[in-house]
Amino acid sequence: MARKVPEVNASSTADIAFLLLIFFLMTTTMNVDTGLTRMLPPMPDPNQKQDDVEVKRRNIFSVLINKSDKLLVRGEPMEVSMLKDKTKEFIMNPNNDPNLSEFEEKDIPVIGKYKVSKGVVSLQNDRGTSYEMYMKVQNELVAAYNELRDELSTSVYGKPFSKLAKEEQETISKAIPLKISEAEPKNVGGK
């Protein structure tokens, strides 16, 4: 006669698995996508004429990234490693070069009379541009502004921009405003 194999009572196994699943879902933390910290410009005054917003070509530092991740700055090919220095040169225009940005002299509290650049960095990429290249370019452009702000804050307050109080940071930001304009990506390469 064949021997009977004892059965294991598995009626509560599904309940236990479900409780474990709920436990792990409740105790696990999820990473939250952070994205880029970029403040949008304020809404334009409805009474302002459209002609008042025009920017001279001289004051535009155009940065284009194509689908092959090649960089074109003001119509010239450039390596990403050179972008930060060229951006700083464009913004500050140390030799009063007529091909670089113009200045508007403003009276800024604590600093006094300061030549504020009218330059705008215009970034545009192709839809086929890699995210890695886009982030490299973004980082270089923001690093240029950060270095300029650090240099000014060190000369005025004796410490870097990130260590300043909020009011002091606002003063430096008035002297070196972050002006990066991002245009809608184009589908140049047909990708």
Protein backbone atom coordinates (compact mmCIF):
# COMPACT_ATOMS: atom_id res chain seq x y z
CA MET A 1 0.00 0.00 0.00
CA ALA A 2 1.31 3.43 -0.94
CA ARG A 3 2.16 5.79 1.80
CA LYS A 4 0.28 9.11 2.00
CA VAL A 5 2.39 12.27 1.85
CA PRO A 6 1.32 14.82 4.48
CA GLU A 7 -0.01 18.06 3.03
CA VAL A 8 1.07 21.50 4.17
CA ASN A 9 -1.72 23.94 4.90
CA ALA A 10 -1.03 26.82 2.39
CA SER A 11 -4.31 28.64 2.75
CA SER A 12 -2.73 31.66 4.48
CA THR A 13 0.35 31.93 2.17
CA ALA A 14 -1.35 34.39 -0.17
CA ASP A 15 -2.36 36.58 2.79
CA ILE A 16 1.20 36.62 4.13
CA ALA A 17 2.63 37.48 0.69
CA PHE A 18 0.12 40.31 0.33
CA LEU A 19 1.01 41.72 3.78
CA LEU A 20 4.74 41.56 2.95
CA LEU A 21 4.11 43.39 -0.31
CA ILE A 22 2.21 46.14 1.50
CA PHE A 23 4.95 46.38 4.14
CA PHE A 24 7.71 46.86 1.53
CA LEU A 25 5.64 49.37 -0.45
CA MET A 26 5.04 51.43 2.69
CA THR A 27 8.63 51.39 3.96
CA THR A 28 10.51 51.86 0.68
CA THR A 29 11.48 55.38 -0.34
CA MET A 30 11.23 56.46 -3.95
CA ASN A 31 13.68 58.79 -5.66
CA VAL A 32 12.02 61.97 -6.85
CA ASP A 33 13.14 63.49 -10.15
CA THR A 34 14.53 66.92 -9.42
CA GLY A 35 15.11 68.48 -12.86
CA LEU A 36 16.79 71.82 -13.48
CA THR A 37 16.39 74.68 -11.08
CA ARG A 38 15.55 77.54 -13.36
CA MET A 39 13.38 80.51 -12.55
CA LEU A 40 11.08 81.62 -15.29
CA PRO A 41 11.15 85.31 -16.14
CA PRO A 42 8.23 87.37 -14.87
CA MET A 43 5.24 87.82 -17.11
CA PRO A 44 5.65 90.85 -19.39
CA ASP A 45 3.65 93.96 -18.62
CA PRO A 46 0.50 93.89 -20.79
CA ASN A 47 0.93 97.63 -21.43
CA GLN A 48 4.46 97.15 -22.77
CA LYS A 49 4.89 97.35 -26.51
CA GLN A 50 6.34 94.31 -28.27
CA ASP A 51 9.10 96.47 -29.79
CA ASP A 52 10.48 97.22 -26.30
CA VAL A 53 11.61 93.60 -25.87
CA GLU A 54 13.91 93.56 -28.92
CA VAL A 55 17.49 92.50 -28.22
CA LYS A 56 20.33 93.58 -30.47
CA ARG A 57 22.12 90.75 -32.26
CA ARG A 58 25.35 91.88 -30.60
CA ASN A 59 23.85 91.09 -27.20
CA ILE A 60 22.87 87.51 -28.07
CA PHE A 61 25.31 84.68 -27.32
CA SER A 62 23.72 81.90 -29.38
CA VAL A 63 24.60 78.33 -28.41
CA LEU A 64 23.32 75.55 -30.67
CA ILE A 65 23.65 71.79 -30.14
CA ASN A 66 22.93 69.56 -33.13
CA LYS A 67 21.75 65.92 -33.18
CA SER A 68 25.39 64.75 -33.39
CA ASP A 69 26.12 66.59 -30.11
CA LYS A 70 28.30 69.15 -31.88
CA LEU A 71 28.36 72.64 -30.44
CA LEU A 72 28.00 75.81 -32.50
CA VAL A 73 28.58 79.09 -30.62
CA ARG A 74 27.81 82.35 -32.42
CA GLY A 75 28.16 80.50 -35.72
CA GLU A 76 31.54 78.91 -34.91
CA PRO A 77 32.22 75.28 -33.87
CA MET A 78 33.47 75.01 -30.29
CA GLU A 79 34.42 72.38 -27.73
CA VAL A 80 32.34 72.22 -24.55
CA SER A 81 35.49 72.76 -22.47
CA MET A 82 35.86 76.27 -23.94
CA LEU A 83 32.21 77.30 -23.48
CA LYS A 84 32.46 78.58 -19.89
CA ASP A 85 35.38 80.92 -20.62
CA LYS A 86 33.80 82.25 -23.83
CA THR A 87 30.51 82.87 -22.00
CA LYS A 88 32.30 84.78 -19.24
CA GLU A 89 34.17 86.85 -21.84
CA PHE A 90 30.90 87.63 -23.66
CA ILE A 91 29.11 88.71 -20.47
CA MET A 92 31.91 90.86 -19.03
CA ASN A 93 33.36 92.19 -22.33
CA PRO A 94 36.63 93.21 -20.64
CA ASN A 95 38.14 94.98 -23.69
CA ASN A 96 34.94 96.76 -24.80
CA ASP A 97 34.86 94.62 -27.95
CA PRO A 98 32.05 95.77 -30.32
CA ASN A 99 31.26 92.09 -31.09
CA LEU A 100 30.51 91.26 -27.44
CA SER A 101 27.66 92.38 -25.19
CA GLU A 102 26.86 95.99 -24.40
CA PHE A 103 26.58 97.45 -20.90
CA GLU A 104 24.11 99.57 -19.04
CA GLU A 105 25.52 101.46 -16.06
CA LYS A 106 23.32 100.98 -12.99
CA ASP A 107 23.57 102.25 -9.44
CA ILE A 108 23.45 99.12 -7.27
CA PRO A 109 23.28 99.39 -3.45
CA VAL A 110 26.58 98.52 -1.70
CA ILE A 111 28.39 98.13 -5.04
CA GLY A 112 27.70 101.60 -6.42
CA LYS A 113 27.88 102.34 -10.16
CA TYR A 114 28.33 99.04 -12.01
CA LYS A 115 28.27 98.12 -15.69
CA VAL A 116 25.57 95.48 -16.03
CA SER A 117 25.73 93.36 -19.18
CA LYS A 118 22.79 93.47 -21.61
CA GLY A 119 23.91 90.09 -22.96
CA VAL A 120 21.56 87.12 -23.19
CA VAL A 121 22.69 83.52 -23.64
CA SER A 122 20.36 81.80 -26.10
CA LEU A 123 20.47 77.98 -25.92
CA GLN A 124 18.84 75.83 -28.56
CA ASN A 125 19.20 72.15 -29.30
CA ASP A 126 18.05 69.62 -31.84
CA ARG A 127 15.47 67.04 -30.78
CA GLY A 128 18.14 64.38 -31.40
CA THR A 129 20.61 65.96 -28.96
CA SER A 130 21.64 63.58 -26.18
CA TYR A 131 20.59 64.45 -22.66
CA GLU A 132 24.22 64.09 -21.53
CA MET A 133 25.43 66.77 -23.96
CA TYR A 134 22.52 69.06 -23.09
CA MET A 135 23.41 68.82 -19.38
CA LYS A 136 27.12 69.43 -20.06
CA VAL A 137 26.29 72.64 -21.95
CA GLN A 138 23.80 73.74 -19.26
CA ASN A 139 26.42 73.14 -16.56
CA GLU A 140 29.07 75.16 -18.41
CA LEU A 141 26.72 78.11 -18.97
CA VAL A 142 25.56 78.20 -15.35
CA ALA A 143 29.16 77.73 -14.16
CA ALA A 144 30.18 80.86 -16.11
CA TYR A 145 27.56 82.95 -14.28
CA ASN A 146 28.44 81.33 -10.94
CA GLU A 147 32.14 82.12 -11.36
CA LEU A 148 31.42 85.74 -12.28
CA ARG A 149 29.12 86.09 -9.27
CA ASP A 150 31.76 84.48 -7.01
CA GLU A 151 34.44 86.88 -8.27
CA LEU A 152 32.23 89.92 -7.64
CA SER A 153 30.96 88.74 -4.25
CA THR A 154 34.52 87.98 -3.12
CA SER A 155 35.67 91.46 -4.12
CA VAL A 156 32.65 93.19 -2.50
CA TYR A 157 31.88 91.00 0.53
CA GLY A 158 35.05 88.93 0.92
CA LYS A 159 33.25 85.58 0.53
CA PRO A 160 31.81 83.45 -2.29
CA PHE A 161 28.27 83.96 -3.60
CA SER A 162 26.91 80.77 -1.98
CA LYS A 163 27.98 81.95 1.52
CA LEU A 164 26.22 85.33 1.23
CA ALA A 165 22.99 86.26 2.99
CA LYS A 166 19.87 86.45 0.82
CA GLU A 167 19.98 90.28 0.54
CA GLU A 168 23.66 90.19 -0.42
CA GLN A 169 22.96 87.53 -3.06
CA GLU A 170 20.19 89.72 -4.50
CA THR A 171 22.65 92.62 -4.77
CA ILE A 172 25.18 90.48 -6.67
CA SER A 173 22.38 89.06 -8.85
CA LYS A 174 21.40 92.60 -9.86
CA ALA A 175 24.96 93.23 -11.01
CA ILE A 176 25.28 89.88 -12.82
CA PRO A 177 21.77 88.69 -13.72
CA LEU A 178 21.40 85.10 -14.95
CA LYS A 179 20.07 85.52 -18.49
CA ILE A 180 19.79 82.14 -20.18
CA SER A 181 17.03 81.82 -22.75
CA GLU A 182 16.10 78.34 -23.92
CA ALA A 183 14.41 78.08 -27.29
CA GLU A 184 12.11 75.25 -28.32
CA PRO A 185 14.14 72.28 -29.65
CA LYS A 186 14.15 71.95 -33.42
CA ASN A 187 13.93 68.84 -35.51
CA VAL A 188 16.77 69.85 -37.84
CA GLY A 189 18.19 66.40 -38.53
CA GLY A 190 14.88 64.71 -39.22
CA LYS A 191 15.44 62.25 -36.39
